[in-house]
């Protein structure tokens, strides 16, 4: 069953803006990203996502923990950071359409924090504050089926843009609330996993920092979507957030222009006369999207720079 939502003009426009920003980045030639940039992004993502859930540690304290320095603070907060660090280090190993992969991430994230780390809840839960219940999650007996349906949506919905799909998933995951604890952290992480699978530059874009900055709006978007019975408002909020984070990232870099010819020349030097797949080309140019790779290869075939052999998954390319 497909989750209920509407693709509004605002969603289409925001999605176009984000893909334009990503395309702008991919059209630039950059030195290999420094390890410090990846590390800094990870620190911001971890500190922001945990702070949303009440973790009191600062960016400096999180940095010290990552650098194996002694930190004074609540033991639980320190353990949360250490677990989150392990989870984010495995970003490129997760399979975005696999429930088993998500359960593995939850087990690492919540290790020694709750008894049922890595297991779907077996009790009913309600989300709220000391004054009111904001959301009663579905009955625990429904959770396995609901999660199965949600991951089937990820697998089978081929026409929906991954940026929109990641936001639908994020909302539906929080609505189901499949774990006894850690749902917010895992929901935000898994949206990052889906985005990273779509475009590798998201490893360097800490979307969670913008969510933290707009925390009240984040919760309000979830609440209003639940009242309306569909995730449209939340999708709009998340796309605004992703656009803001992506815009900040692209403005922070000082690259030079790259062209399809430059990428193809690099590939020619690398592959020489060997056969290669589009996947190999993507791994060589890790900053570009699958769509850009496809356009590059089609251009090269049309201009007889490359010879194409086979179709679909058996397609191979070779330089003339």
C-alpha atoms as a PDB file:
ATOM      1  CA  UNK A   1       0.000   0.000   0.000  1.00  0.00           C
ATOM      2  CA  UNK A   2       1.374   3.387  -1.033  1.00  0.00           C
ATOM      3  CA  UNK A   3       1.586   5.970   1.797  1.00  0.00           C
ATOM      4  CA  UNK A   4      -0.836   8.892   1.312  1.00  0.00           C
ATOM      5  CA  UNK A   5       0.674  12.192   0.116  1.00  0.00           C
ATOM      6  CA  UNK A   6       0.201  14.767  -2.638  1.00  0.00           C
ATOM      7  CA  UNK A   7       2.927  16.103  -4.924  1.00  0.00           C
ATOM      8  CA  UNK A   8       2.271  19.857  -4.762  1.00  0.00           C
ATOM      9  CA  UNK A   9       3.813  22.548  -6.999  1.00  0.00           C
ATOM     10  CA  UNK A  10       5.883  23.570  -3.956  1.00  0.00           C
ATOM     11  CA  UNK A  11       7.303  20.040  -3.629  1.00  0.00           C
ATOM     12  CA  UNK A  12       8.110  19.900  -7.345  1.00  0.00           C
ATOM     13  CA  UNK A  13       9.805  23.310  -7.230  1.00  0.00           C
ATOM     14  CA  UNK A  14      11.858  22.478  -4.139  1.00  0.00           C
ATOM     15  CA  UNK A  15      12.915  19.129  -5.588  1.00  0.00           C
ATOM     16  CA  UNK A  16      13.997  20.875  -8.807  1.00  0.00           C
ATOM     17  CA  UNK A  17      15.979  23.422  -6.806  1.00  0.00           C
ATOM     18  CA  UNK A  18      17.787  20.719  -4.826  1.00  0.00           C
ATOM     19  CA  UNK A  19      18.644  18.730  -7.961  1.00  0.00           C
ATOM     20  CA  UNK A  20      19.847  21.970  -9.599  1.00  0.00           C
ATOM     21  CA  UNK A  21      22.179  22.611  -6.648  1.00  0.00           C
ATOM     22  CA  UNK A  22      23.459  19.033  -6.818  1.00  0.00           C
ATOM     23  CA  UNK A  23      23.923  19.379 -10.581  1.00  0.00           C
ATOM     24  CA  UNK A  24      25.823  22.626 -10.020  1.00  0.00           C
ATOM     25  CA  UNK A  25      28.162  20.783  -7.657  1.00  0.00           C
ATOM     26  CA  UNK A  26      28.577  17.854 -10.052  1.00  0.00           C
ATOM     27  CA  UNK A  27      29.478  20.243 -12.854  1.00  0.00           C
ATOM     28  CA  UNK A  28      32.535  21.364 -10.924  1.00  0.00           C
ATOM     29  CA  UNK A  29      35.894  19.706 -10.652  1.00  0.00           C
ATOM     30  CA  UNK A  30      37.044  19.385  -7.080  1.00  0.00           C
ATOM     31  CA  UNK A  31      40.025  18.007  -5.256  1.00  0.00           C
ATOM     32  CA  UNK A  32      39.216  14.865  -3.288  1.00  0.00           C
ATOM     33  CA  UNK A  33      37.207  15.971  -0.238  1.00  0.00           C
ATOM     34  CA  UNK A  34      39.434  16.247   2.778  1.00  0.00           C
ATOM     35  CA  UNK A  35      38.824  13.740   5.586  1.00  0.00           C
ATOM     36  CA  UNK A  36      38.282  16.753   7.846  1.00  0.00           C
ATOM     37  CA  UNK A  37      35.180  17.776   5.869  1.00  0.00           C
ATOM     38  CA  UNK A  38      33.626  14.316   6.222  1.00  0.00           C
ATOM     39  CA  UNK A  39      34.513  14.279   9.918  1.00  0.00           C
ATOM     40  CA  UNK A  40      33.088  17.759  10.514  1.00  0.00           C
ATOM     41  CA  UNK A  41      29.827  16.847   8.765  1.00  0.00           C
ATOM     42  CA  UNK A  42      29.569  13.684  10.873  1.00  0.00           C
ATOM     43  CA  UNK A  43      30.104  15.654  14.096  1.00  0.00           C
ATOM     44  CA  UNK A  44      27.383  18.165  13.176  1.00  0.00           C
ATOM     45  CA  UNK A  45      24.951  15.410  12.153  1.00  0.00           C
ATOM     46  CA  UNK A  46      25.488  13.407  15.348  1.00  0.00           C
ATOM     47  CA  UNK A  47      25.384  16.358  17.750  1.00  0.00           C
ATOM     48  CA  UNK A  48      22.285  17.858  16.127  1.00  0.00           C
ATOM     49  CA  UNK A  49      20.299  14.615  15.879  1.00  0.00           C
ATOM     50  CA  UNK A  50      21.072  13.687  19.488  1.00  0.00           C
ATOM     51  CA  UNK A  51      20.365  17.207  20.768  1.00  0.00           C
ATOM     52  CA  UNK A  52      16.869  17.031  19.259  1.00  0.00           C
ATOM     53  CA  UNK A  53      16.276  14.050  21.571  1.00  0.00           C
ATOM     54  CA  UNK A  54      17.641  15.855  24.650  1.00  0.00           C
ATOM     55  CA  UNK A  55      21.350  14.970  24.615  1.00  0.00           C
ATOM     56  CA  UNK A  56      23.211  17.769  26.423  1.00  0.00           C
ATOM     57  CA  UNK A  57      26.698  17.428  24.904  1.00  0.00           C
ATOM     58  CA  UNK A  58      28.071  20.305  22.836  1.00  0.00           C
ATOM     59  CA  UNK A  59      29.789  20.166  19.446  1.00  0.00           C
ATOM     60  CA  UNK A  60      33.155  20.575  21.213  1.00  0.00           C
ATOM     61  CA  UNK A  61      32.387  17.662  23.546  1.00  0.00           C
ATOM     62  CA  UNK A  62      31.253  15.446  20.659  1.00  0.00           C
ATOM     63  CA  UNK A  63      34.463  16.361  18.812  1.00  0.00           C
ATOM     64  CA  UNK A  64      36.522  15.390  21.863  1.00  0.00           C
ATOM     65  CA  UNK A  65      34.765  12.010  22.113  1.00  0.00           C
ATOM     66  CA  UNK A  66      35.447  11.330  18.427  1.00  0.00           C
ATOM     67  CA  UNK A  67      39.081  12.279  19.034  1.00  0.00           C
ATOM     68  CA  UNK A  68      39.236   9.827  21.988  1.00  0.00           C
ATOM     69  CA  UNK A  69      39.603  12.593  24.569  1.00  0.00           C
ATOM     70  CA  UNK A  70      38.110  12.399  28.047  1.00  0.00           C
ATOM     71  CA  UNK A  71      34.798  14.225  28.389  1.00  0.00           C
ATOM     72  CA  UNK A  72      32.861  15.112  31.539  1.00  0.00           C
ATOM     73  CA  UNK A  73      29.152  14.595  31.071  1.00  0.00           C
ATOM     74  CA  UNK A  74      26.239  12.226  31.690  1.00  0.00           C
ATOM     75  CA  UNK A  75      27.286   8.628  30.929  1.00  0.00           C
ATOM     76  CA  UNK A  76      24.149   8.054  28.884  1.00  0.00           C
ATOM     77  CA  UNK A  77      24.842  11.102  26.709  1.00  0.00           C
ATOM     78  CA  UNK A  78      28.446  10.005  26.119  1.00  0.00           C
ATOM     79  CA  UNK A  79      27.327   6.467  25.195  1.00  0.00           C
ATOM     80  CA  UNK A  80      24.739   7.888  22.777  1.00  0.00           C
ATOM     81  CA  UNK A  81      27.496   9.805  20.983  1.00  0.00           C
ATOM     82  CA  UNK A  82      29.814   6.793  20.804  1.00  0.00           C
ATOM     83  CA  UNK A  83      27.026   4.602  19.413  1.00  0.00           C
ATOM     84  CA  UNK A  84      25.956   7.250  16.891  1.00  0.00           C
ATOM     85  CA  UNK A  85      29.554   7.594  15.713  1.00  0.00           C
ATOM     86  CA  UNK A  86      29.679   3.850  14.959  1.00  0.00           C
ATOM     87  CA  UNK A  87      26.383   4.074  13.059  1.00  0.00           C
ATOM     88  CA  UNK A  88      27.373   7.068  10.916  1.00  0.00           C
ATOM     89  CA  UNK A  89      30.736   5.491  10.071  1.00  0.00           C
ATOM     90  CA  UNK A  90      28.808   2.704   8.293  1.00  0.00           C
ATOM     91  CA  UNK A  91      26.748   5.078   6.119  1.00  0.00           C
ATOM     92  CA  UNK A  92      27.953   3.586   2.837  1.00  0.00           C
ATOM     93  CA  UNK A  93      27.314   0.005   3.992  1.00  0.00           C
ATOM     94  CA  UNK A  94      23.582   0.300   4.652  1.00  0.00           C
ATOM     95  CA  UNK A  95      21.074  -0.942   2.101  1.00  0.00           C
ATOM     96  CA  UNK A  96      18.336   1.730   2.023  1.00  0.00           C
ATOM     97  CA  UNK A  97      15.568  -0.686   0.973  1.00  0.00           C
ATOM     98  CA  UNK A  98      16.421  -3.373   3.568  1.00  0.00           C
ATOM     99  CA  UNK A  99      14.601  -3.620   6.892  1.00  0.00           C
ATOM    100  CA  UNK A 100      17.375  -5.950   8.120  1.00  0.00           C
ATOM    101  CA  UNK A 101      19.915  -3.222   7.424  1.00  0.00           C
ATOM    102  CA  UNK A 102      17.873  -0.704   9.417  1.00  0.00           C
ATOM    103  CA  UNK A 103      17.542  -3.141  12.322  1.00  0.00           C
ATOM    104  CA  UNK A 104      21.328  -3.551  12.292  1.00  0.00           C
ATOM    105  CA  UNK A 105      21.730   0.236  12.510  1.00  0.00           C
ATOM    106  CA  UNK A 106      19.267   0.445  15.416  1.00  0.00           C
ATOM    107  CA  UNK A 107      21.089  -2.332  17.269  1.00  0.00           C
ATOM    108  CA  UNK A 108      24.353  -0.372  17.070  1.00  0.00           C
ATOM    109  CA  UNK A 109      22.717   2.977  17.863  1.00  0.00           C
ATOM    110  CA  UNK A 110      20.884   1.763  20.965  1.00  0.00           C
ATOM    111  CA  UNK A 111      23.439  -0.793  22.250  1.00  0.00           C
ATOM    112  CA  UNK A 112      23.505  -0.765  26.082  1.00  0.00           C
ATOM    113  CA  UNK A 113      20.837   1.946  26.096  1.00  0.00           C
ATOM    114  CA  UNK A 114      17.727  -0.248  25.785  1.00  0.00           C
ATOM    115  CA  UNK A 115      17.120  -3.986  26.081  1.00  0.00           C
ATOM    116  CA  UNK A 116      15.466  -4.379  22.696  1.00  0.00           C
ATOM    117  CA  UNK A 117      18.121  -2.725  20.520  1.00  0.00           C
ATOM    118  CA  UNK A 118      17.713  -3.958  16.948  1.00  0.00           C
ATOM    119  CA  UNK A 119      14.237  -5.427  17.551  1.00  0.00           C
ATOM    120  CA  UNK A 120      10.799  -4.066  16.668  1.00  0.00           C
ATOM    121  CA  UNK A 121       8.727  -3.102  19.686  1.00  0.00           C
ATOM    122  CA  UNK A 122       6.419  -5.599  21.386  1.00  0.00           C
ATOM    123  CA  UNK A 123       4.436  -3.048  23.378  1.00  0.00           C
ATOM    124  CA  UNK A 124       2.152  -0.158  22.562  1.00  0.00           C
ATOM    125  CA  UNK A 125       3.633   3.341  22.880  1.00  0.00           C
ATOM    126  CA  UNK A 126       2.438   6.920  22.908  1.00  0.00           C
ATOM    127  CA  UNK A 127       4.465  10.023  22.082  1.00  0.00           C
ATOM    128  CA  UNK A 128       3.950  13.216  24.054  1.00  0.00           C
ATOM    129  CA  UNK A 129       5.054  15.423  26.906  1.00  0.00           C
ATOM    130  CA  UNK A 130       4.051  15.662  30.560  1.00  0.00           C
ATOM    131  CA  UNK A 131       0.928  17.616  29.607  1.00  0.00           C
ATOM    132  CA  UNK A 132      -0.565  15.642  26.713  1.00  0.00           C
ATOM    133  CA  UNK A 133      -0.334  12.653  24.405  1.00  0.00           C
ATOM    134  CA  UNK A 134       0.585  13.934  20.936  1.00  0.00           C
ATOM    135  CA  UNK A 135       0.543  10.645  19.027  1.00  0.00           C
ATOM    136  CA  UNK A 136      -0.538   7.093  19.801  1.00  0.00           C
ATOM    137  CA  UNK A 137       1.554   4.836  17.594  1.00  0.00           C
ATOM    138  CA  UNK A 138      -0.112   1.878  15.829  1.00  0.00           C
ATOM    139  CA  UNK A 139      -0.643  -1.313  17.820  1.00  0.00           C
ATOM    140  CA  UNK A 140       2.620  -3.231  18.177  1.00  0.00           C
ATOM    141  CA  UNK A 141       1.060  -6.254  16.442  1.00  0.00           C
ATOM    142  CA  UNK A 142       0.740  -4.163  13.273  1.00  0.00           C
ATOM    143  CA  UNK A 143       4.354  -2.948  13.260  1.00  0.00           C
ATOM    144  CA  UNK A 144       5.969  -5.823  11.268  1.00  0.00           C
ATOM    145  CA  UNK A 145       3.360  -5.518   8.504  1.00  0.00           C
ATOM    146  CA  UNK A 146       3.542  -1.713   8.433  1.00  0.00           C
ATOM    147  CA  UNK A 147       7.336  -1.775   8.233  1.00  0.00           C
ATOM    148  CA  UNK A 148       7.191  -4.419   5.501  1.00  0.00           C
ATOM    149  CA  UNK A 149       4.795  -2.207   3.520  1.00  0.00           C
ATOM    150  CA  UNK A 150       7.034   0.830   4.011  1.00  0.00           C
ATOM    151  CA  UNK A 151      10.118  -0.960   2.717  1.00  0.00           C
ATOM    152  CA  UNK A 152       8.116  -2.387  -0.196  1.00  0.00           C
ATOM    153  CA  UNK A 153       7.236   1.202  -1.044  1.00  0.00           C
ATOM    154  CA  UNK A 154      10.949   2.084  -1.093  1.00  0.00           C
ATOM    155  CA  UNK A 155      11.725  -0.902  -3.318  1.00  0.00           C
ATOM    156  CA  UNK A 156       8.841  -0.686  -5.775  1.00  0.00           C
ATOM    157  CA  UNK A 157       8.189   3.052  -6.165  1.00  0.00           C
ATOM    158  CA  UNK A 158      10.534   3.714  -9.084  1.00  0.00           C
ATOM    159  CA  UNK A 159       8.955   6.899 -10.469  1.00  0.00           C
ATOM    160  CA  UNK A 160       9.111   8.993  -7.301  1.00  0.00           C
ATOM    161  CA  UNK A 161      12.230  11.135  -6.895  1.00  0.00           C
ATOM    162  CA  UNK A 162      14.535   9.752  -4.147  1.00  0.00           C
ATOM    163  CA  UNK A 163      14.583  13.120  -2.345  1.00  0.00           C
ATOM    164  CA  UNK A 164      10.781  13.042  -2.031  1.00  0.00           C
ATOM    165  CA  UNK A 165      10.788   9.317  -1.274  1.00  0.00           C
ATOM    166  CA  UNK A 166      13.255   9.841   1.586  1.00  0.00           C
ATOM    167  CA  UNK A 167      10.902  12.401   3.159  1.00  0.00           C
ATOM    168  CA  UNK A 168       7.853  10.150   2.798  1.00  0.00           C
ATOM    169  CA  UNK A 169       9.823   7.386   4.499  1.00  0.00           C
ATOM    170  CA  UNK A 170      10.945   9.705   7.307  1.00  0.00           C
ATOM    171  CA  UNK A 171       7.375  10.730   8.157  1.00  0.00           C
ATOM    172  CA  UNK A 172       5.866   7.235   7.873  1.00  0.00           C
ATOM    173  CA  UNK A 173       8.668   5.789  10.002  1.00  0.00           C
ATOM    174  CA  UNK A 174       8.002   8.309  12.781  1.00  0.00           C
ATOM    175  CA  UNK A 175       4.248   7.639  12.545  1.00  0.00           C
ATOM    176  CA  UNK A 176       4.772   3.862  12.928  1.00  0.00           C
ATOM    177  CA  UNK A 177       7.300   4.426  15.733  1.00  0.00           C
ATOM    178  CA  UNK A 178       8.613   0.861  15.333  1.00  0.00           C
ATOM    179  CA  UNK A 179      11.039   0.810  18.280  1.00  0.00           C
ATOM    180  CA  UNK A 180      10.726   1.366  22.011  1.00  0.00           C
ATOM    181  CA  UNK A 181      13.293   4.165  21.752  1.00  0.00           C
ATOM    182  CA  UNK A 182      15.608   5.741  19.179  1.00  0.00           C
ATOM    183  CA  UNK A 183      12.917   6.309  16.533  1.00  0.00           C
ATOM    184  CA  UNK A 184      13.764   9.952  15.872  1.00  0.00           C
ATOM    185  CA  UNK A 185      17.479   9.266  15.505  1.00  0.00           C
ATOM    186  CA  UNK A 186      16.965   6.288  13.196  1.00  0.00           C
ATOM    187  CA  UNK A 187      14.332   8.101  11.109  1.00  0.00           C
ATOM    188  CA  UNK A 188      16.713  10.986  10.452  1.00  0.00           C
ATOM    189  CA  UNK A 189      19.622   8.610   9.841  1.00  0.00           C
ATOM    190  CA  UNK A 190      17.655   6.548   7.319  1.00  0.00           C
ATOM    191  CA  UNK A 191      16.617   9.618   5.375  1.00  0.00           C
ATOM    192  CA  UNK A 192      20.348  10.400   5.150  1.00  0.00           C
ATOM    193  CA  UNK A 193      21.018   6.824   3.987  1.00  0.00           C
ATOM    194  CA  UNK A 194      18.455   7.210   1.164  1.00  0.00           C
ATOM    195  CA  UNK A 195      19.859  10.618   0.189  1.00  0.00           C
ATOM    196  CA  UNK A 196      23.438   9.300   0.223  1.00  0.00           C
ATOM    197  CA  UNK A 197      22.379   6.400  -1.998  1.00  0.00           C
ATOM    198  CA  UNK A 198      20.972   8.968  -4.443  1.00  0.00           C
ATOM    199  CA  UNK A 199      23.961  11.357  -4.423  1.00  0.00           C
ATOM    200  CA  UNK A 200      27.225  10.835  -2.548  1.00  0.00           C
ATOM    201  CA  UNK A 201      27.630  14.529  -1.741  1.00  0.00           C
ATOM    202  CA  UNK A 202      25.049  14.078   1.020  1.00  0.00           C
ATOM    203  CA  UNK A 203      27.842  12.530   3.086  1.00  0.00           C
ATOM    204  CA  UNK A 204      29.110  16.113   3.416  1.00  0.00           C
ATOM    205  CA  UNK A 205      25.725  17.799   3.981  1.00  0.00           C
ATOM    206  CA  UNK A 206      24.552  17.592   7.620  1.00  0.00           C
ATOM    207  CA  UNK A 207      20.806  18.014   7.068  1.00  0.00           C
ATOM    208  CA  UNK A 208      20.261  17.271  10.775  1.00  0.00           C
ATOM    209  CA  UNK A 209      21.773  20.647  11.733  1.00  0.00           C
ATOM    210  CA  UNK A 210      19.003  22.501   9.896  1.00  0.00           C
ATOM    211  CA  UNK A 211      16.366  20.216  11.451  1.00  0.00           C
ATOM    212  CA  UNK A 212      17.798  21.073  14.894  1.00  0.00           C
ATOM    213  CA  UNK A 213      17.649  24.779  14.059  1.00  0.00           C
ATOM    214  CA  UNK A 214      14.011  24.365  13.019  1.00  0.00           C
ATOM    215  CA  UNK A 215      13.109  21.814  15.693  1.00  0.00           C
ATOM    216  CA  UNK A 216       9.718  23.251  16.627  1.00  0.00           C
ATOM    217  CA  UNK A 217       8.722  23.464  12.950  1.00  0.00           C
ATOM    218  CA  UNK A 218       9.912  19.872  12.491  1.00  0.00           C
ATOM    219  CA  UNK A 219       7.627  18.546  15.210  1.00  0.00           C
ATOM    220  CA  UNK A 220       4.767  20.765  14.039  1.00  0.00           C
ATOM    221  CA  UNK A 221       5.113  19.422  10.478  1.00  0.00           C
ATOM    222  CA  UNK A 222       4.876  15.864  11.847  1.00  0.00           C
ATOM    223  CA  UNK A 223       1.867  16.778  14.006  1.00  0.00           C
ATOM    224  CA  UNK A 224      -0.046  18.540  11.213  1.00  0.00           C
ATOM    225  CA  UNK A 225       0.652  15.720   8.762  1.00  0.00           C
ATOM    226  CA  UNK A 226      -0.721  13.231  11.287  1.00  0.00           C
ATOM    227  CA  UNK A 227      -3.881  15.329  11.763  1.00  0.00           C
ATOM    228  CA  UNK A 228      -4.340  15.536   7.980  1.00  0.00           C
ATOM    229  CA  UNK A 229      -3.684  11.814   7.523  1.00  0.00           C
ATOM    230  CA  UNK A 230      -0.965  12.306   4.893  1.00  0.00           C
ATOM    231  CA  UNK A 231       2.645  13.469   4.788  1.00  0.00           C
ATOM    232  CA  UNK A 232       2.455  16.370   2.282  1.00  0.00           C
ATOM    233  CA  UNK A 233       3.222  19.132   4.796  1.00  0.00           C
ATOM    234  CA  UNK A 234       6.129  17.161   6.225  1.00  0.00           C
ATOM    235  CA  UNK A 235       7.551  16.519   2.743  1.00  0.00           C
ATOM    236  CA  UNK A 236       7.418  20.257   2.038  1.00  0.00           C
ATOM    237  CA  UNK A 237       9.175  20.999   5.331  1.00  0.00           C
ATOM    238  CA  UNK A 238      11.908  18.423   4.743  1.00  0.00           C
ATOM    239  CA  UNK A 239      12.557  19.577   1.175  1.00  0.00           C
ATOM    240  CA  UNK A 240      12.917  23.154   2.443  1.00  0.00           C
ATOM    241  CA  UNK A 241      15.402  21.845   5.021  1.00  0.00           C
ATOM    242  CA  UNK A 242      17.382  19.767   2.508  1.00  0.00           C
ATOM    243  CA  UNK A 243      17.488  22.709   0.083  1.00  0.00           C
ATOM    244  CA  UNK A 244      18.802  25.011   2.823  1.00  0.00           C
ATOM    245  CA  UNK A 245      21.485  22.514   3.858  1.00  0.00           C
ATOM    246  CA  UNK A 246      22.511  21.816   0.239  1.00  0.00           C
ATOM    247  CA  UNK A 247      22.619  25.522  -0.569  1.00  0.00           C
ATOM    248  CA  UNK A 248      24.919  26.167   2.402  1.00  0.00           C
ATOM    249  CA  UNK A 249      27.218  23.363   1.278  1.00  0.00           C
ATOM    250  CA  UNK A 250      27.491  24.468  -2.362  1.00  0.00           C
ATOM    251  CA  UNK A 251      28.196  28.061  -1.296  1.00  0.00           C
ATOM    252  CA  UNK A 252      31.031  26.887   0.961  1.00  0.00           C
ATOM    253  CA  UNK A 253      33.133  25.289  -1.794  1.00  0.00           C
ATOM    254  CA  UNK A 254      35.470  27.015  -4.254  1.00  0.00           C
ATOM    255  CA  UNK A 255      35.858  24.639  -7.188  1.00  0.00           C
ATOM    256  CA  UNK A 256      36.563  25.046 -10.900  1.00  0.00           C
ATOM    257  CA  UNK A 257      34.300  24.068 -13.776  1.00  0.00           C
ATOM    258  CA  UNK A 258      34.272  20.491 -14.968  1.00  0.00           C
ATOM    259  CA  UNK A 259      32.916  19.255 -18.282  1.00  0.00           C
ATOM    260  CA  UNK A 260      31.845  15.907 -19.683  1.00  0.00           C
ATOM    261  CA  UNK A 261      35.030  15.942 -21.773  1.00  0.00           C
ATOM    262  CA  UNK A 262      37.208  16.262 -18.677  1.00  0.00           C
ATOM    263  CA  UNK A 263      35.381  13.397 -16.961  1.00  0.00           C
ATOM    264  CA  UNK A 264      35.689  11.211 -20.075  1.00  0.00           C
ATOM    265  CA  UNK A 265      39.412  12.000 -20.429  1.00  0.00           C
ATOM    266  CA  UNK A 266      39.925  10.997 -16.799  1.00  0.00           C
ATOM    267  CA  UNK A 267      38.022   7.758 -17.453  1.00  0.00           C
ATOM    268  CA  UNK A 268      40.048   7.082 -20.614  1.00  0.00           C
ATOM    269  CA  UNK A 269      43.301   7.362 -18.677  1.00  0.00           C
ATOM    270  CA  UNK A 270      41.945   5.153 -15.926  1.00  0.00           C
ATOM    271  CA  UNK A 271      40.208   2.374 -17.899  1.00  0.00           C
ATOM    272  CA  UNK A 272      42.443   2.513 -20.986  1.00  0.00           C
ATOM    273  CA  UNK A 273      41.206  -0.353 -23.223  1.00  0.00           C
ATOM    274  CA  UNK A 274      39.428  -2.316 -20.488  1.00  0.00           C
ATOM    275  CA  UNK A 275      35.668  -2.891 -20.466  1.00  0.00           C
ATOM    276  CA  UNK A 276      33.807  -1.062 -17.710  1.00  0.00           C
ATOM    277  CA  UNK A 277      30.257  -0.568 -16.432  1.00  0.00           C
ATOM    278  CA  UNK A 278      28.342   2.582 -15.561  1.00  0.00           C
ATOM    279  CA  UNK A 279      28.876   1.576 -11.916  1.00  0.00           C
ATOM    280  CA  UNK A 280      32.647   1.671 -12.472  1.00  0.00           C
ATOM    281  CA  UNK A 281      32.358   5.124 -14.063  1.00  0.00           C
ATOM    282  CA  UNK A 282      30.325   6.317 -11.048  1.00  0.00           C
ATOM    283  CA  UNK A 283      32.922   5.002  -8.622  1.00  0.00           C
ATOM    284  CA  UNK A 284      35.641   6.867 -10.521  1.00  0.00           C
ATOM    285  CA  UNK A 285      33.600  10.105 -10.436  1.00  0.00           C
ATOM    286  CA  UNK A 286      32.101   9.683  -6.972  1.00  0.00           C
ATOM    287  CA  UNK A 287      30.626  13.201  -6.889  1.00  0.00           C
ATOM    288  CA  UNK A 288      28.223  12.708  -9.795  1.00  0.00           C
ATOM    289  CA  UNK A 289      24.738  11.202  -9.851  1.00  0.00           C
ATOM    290  CA  UNK A 290      23.696   8.104 -11.846  1.00  0.00           C
ATOM    291  CA  UNK A 291      21.792  10.404 -14.219  1.00  0.00           C
ATOM    292  CA  UNK A 292      24.912  12.455 -14.979  1.00  0.00           C
ATOM    293  CA  UNK A 293      26.914   9.264 -15.576  1.00  0.00           C
ATOM    294  CA  UNK A 294      24.265   8.003 -18.005  1.00  0.00           C
ATOM    295  CA  UNK A 295      24.353  11.302 -19.928  1.00  0.00           C
ATOM    296  CA  UNK A 296      28.167  11.230 -20.083  1.00  0.00           C
ATOM    297  CA  UNK A 297      28.241   7.686 -21.448  1.00  0.00           C
ATOM    298  CA  UNK A 298      25.444   8.345 -23.958  1.00  0.00           C
ATOM    299  CA  UNK A 299      27.350  11.421 -25.194  1.00  0.00           C
ATOM    300  CA  UNK A 300      30.526   9.355 -25.591  1.00  0.00           C
ATOM    301  CA  UNK A 301      28.718   6.576 -27.487  1.00  0.00           C
ATOM    302  CA  UNK A 302      26.990   9.068 -29.784  1.00  0.00           C
ATOM    303  CA  UNK A 303      30.319  10.734 -30.572  1.00  0.00           C
ATOM    304  CA  UNK A 304      32.048   7.363 -31.078  1.00  0.00           C
ATOM    305  CA  UNK A 305      34.391   7.919 -28.156  1.00  0.00           C
ATOM    306  CA  UNK A 306      33.035   4.751 -26.565  1.00  0.00           C
ATOM    307  CA  UNK A 307      31.817   1.408 -27.870  1.00  0.00           C
ATOM    308  CA  UNK A 308      28.714   0.100 -26.095  1.00  0.00           C
ATOM    309  CA  UNK A 309      28.134  -3.651 -25.745  1.00  0.00           C
ATOM    310  CA  UNK A 310      25.076  -5.397 -24.273  1.00  0.00           C
ATOM    311  CA  UNK A 311      21.893  -3.998 -22.723  1.00  0.00           C
ATOM    312  CA  UNK A 312      20.599  -3.128 -19.271  1.00  0.00           C
ATOM    313  CA  UNK A 313      22.652  -4.718 -16.448  1.00  0.00           C
ATOM    314  CA  UNK A 314      24.914  -6.454 -18.986  1.00  0.00           C
ATOM    315  CA  UNK A 315      25.954  -3.173 -20.629  1.00  0.00           C
ATOM    316  CA  UNK A 316      29.699  -2.658 -20.915  1.00  0.00           C
ATOM    317  CA  UNK A 317      31.682   0.232 -22.390  1.00  0.00           C
ATOM    318  CA  UNK A 318      35.122   0.437 -23.963  1.00  0.00           C
ATOM    319  CA  UNK A 319      37.108   3.385 -25.284  1.00  0.00           C
ATOM    320  CA  UNK A 320      37.845   3.424 -29.033  1.00  0.00           C
END
